[in-house]
């Protein structure tokens, strides 16, 4: 499902935007925190990749991030 992550420079969270789930990052972009969906006691994240909504496990995201580093 996730074949290759694009490596980008790390960005820090500078500030939260009000009481929303949006944050301002150190590179000037705005991001939204993902909320986990728990299915059978396992956390998953719904992400739109290549125009298709996919459910990806948190473990798989962490493994893909380690491979990209």
Protein backbone atom coordinates (compact mmCIF):
# COMPACT_ATOMS: atom_id res chain seq x y z
CA UNK A 1 0.00 0.00 0.00
CA UNK A 2 2.69 2.50 0.97
CA UNK A 3 5.55 1.82 -1.39
CA UNK A 4 7.74 4.87 -0.87
CA UNK A 5 7.52 7.94 1.32
CA UNK A 6 8.95 11.18 0.04
CA UNK A 7 11.72 12.35 2.35
CA UNK A 8 11.25 15.98 3.46
CA UNK A 9 13.16 18.05 6.01
CA UNK A 10 11.82 17.79 9.54
CA UNK A 11 9.49 20.55 10.75
CA UNK A 12 8.60 21.44 14.32
CA UNK A 13 5.22 22.46 15.64
CA UNK A 14 5.27 26.15 16.49
CA UNK A 15 1.69 26.83 17.59
CA UNK A 16 -1.83 25.47 17.69
CA UNK A 17 -4.59 27.37 15.90
CA UNK A 18 -7.24 28.12 18.50
CA UNK A 19 -9.18 25.10 19.75
CA UNK A 20 -8.91 23.33 16.40
CA UNK A 21 -6.83 20.34 15.31
CA UNK A 22 -4.66 22.60 13.09
CA UNK A 23 -1.03 23.47 13.90
CA UNK A 24 1.52 25.83 12.37
CA UNK A 25 4.83 24.17 11.46
CA UNK A 26 8.30 25.72 11.46
CA UNK A 27 8.48 25.61 7.65
CA UNK A 28 5.44 27.92 7.40
CA UNK A 29 2.85 25.28 6.51
CA UNK A 30 -0.34 24.43 8.35
CA UNK A 31 -1.14 20.82 9.17
CA UNK A 32 -3.98 18.92 10.81
CA UNK A 33 -3.47 16.22 13.40
CA UNK A 34 -4.91 12.89 12.32
CA UNK A 35 -7.38 11.19 14.60
CA UNK A 36 -6.97 7.43 14.96
CA UNK A 37 -9.83 5.06 14.19
CA UNK A 38 -9.72 1.99 16.44
CA UNK A 39 -10.79 -1.27 14.79
CA UNK A 40 -10.41 -4.51 16.76
CA UNK A 41 -8.16 -2.73 19.29
CA UNK A 42 -5.73 -1.56 16.55
CA UNK A 43 -5.32 2.13 15.62
CA UNK A 44 -5.74 3.04 11.94
CA UNK A 45 -5.56 6.38 10.13
CA UNK A 46 -7.74 7.34 7.18
CA UNK A 47 -5.55 9.07 4.59
CA UNK A 48 -6.19 10.17 1.03
CA UNK A 49 -3.31 8.85 -1.12
CA UNK A 50 -3.32 9.29 -4.89
CA UNK A 51 -6.95 10.45 -4.71
CA UNK A 52 -8.10 7.27 -2.92
CA UNK A 53 -9.16 7.19 0.73
CA UNK A 54 -7.20 4.42 2.46
CA UNK A 55 -7.08 3.08 6.00
CA UNK A 56 -3.48 2.54 7.12
CA UNK A 57 -2.32 1.11 10.44
CA UNK A 58 -0.18 3.24 12.71
CA UNK A 59 2.43 0.48 12.83
CA UNK A 60 2.73 0.47 9.05
CA UNK A 61 3.15 4.25 8.95
CA UNK A 62 5.95 4.07 11.52
CA UNK A 63 7.71 1.29 9.59
CA UNK A 64 7.49 3.28 6.32
CA UNK A 65 8.84 6.40 8.04
CA UNK A 66 11.82 4.46 9.40
CA UNK A 67 12.63 3.14 5.92
CA UNK A 68 12.46 6.66 4.46
CA UNK A 69 14.90 8.07 7.04
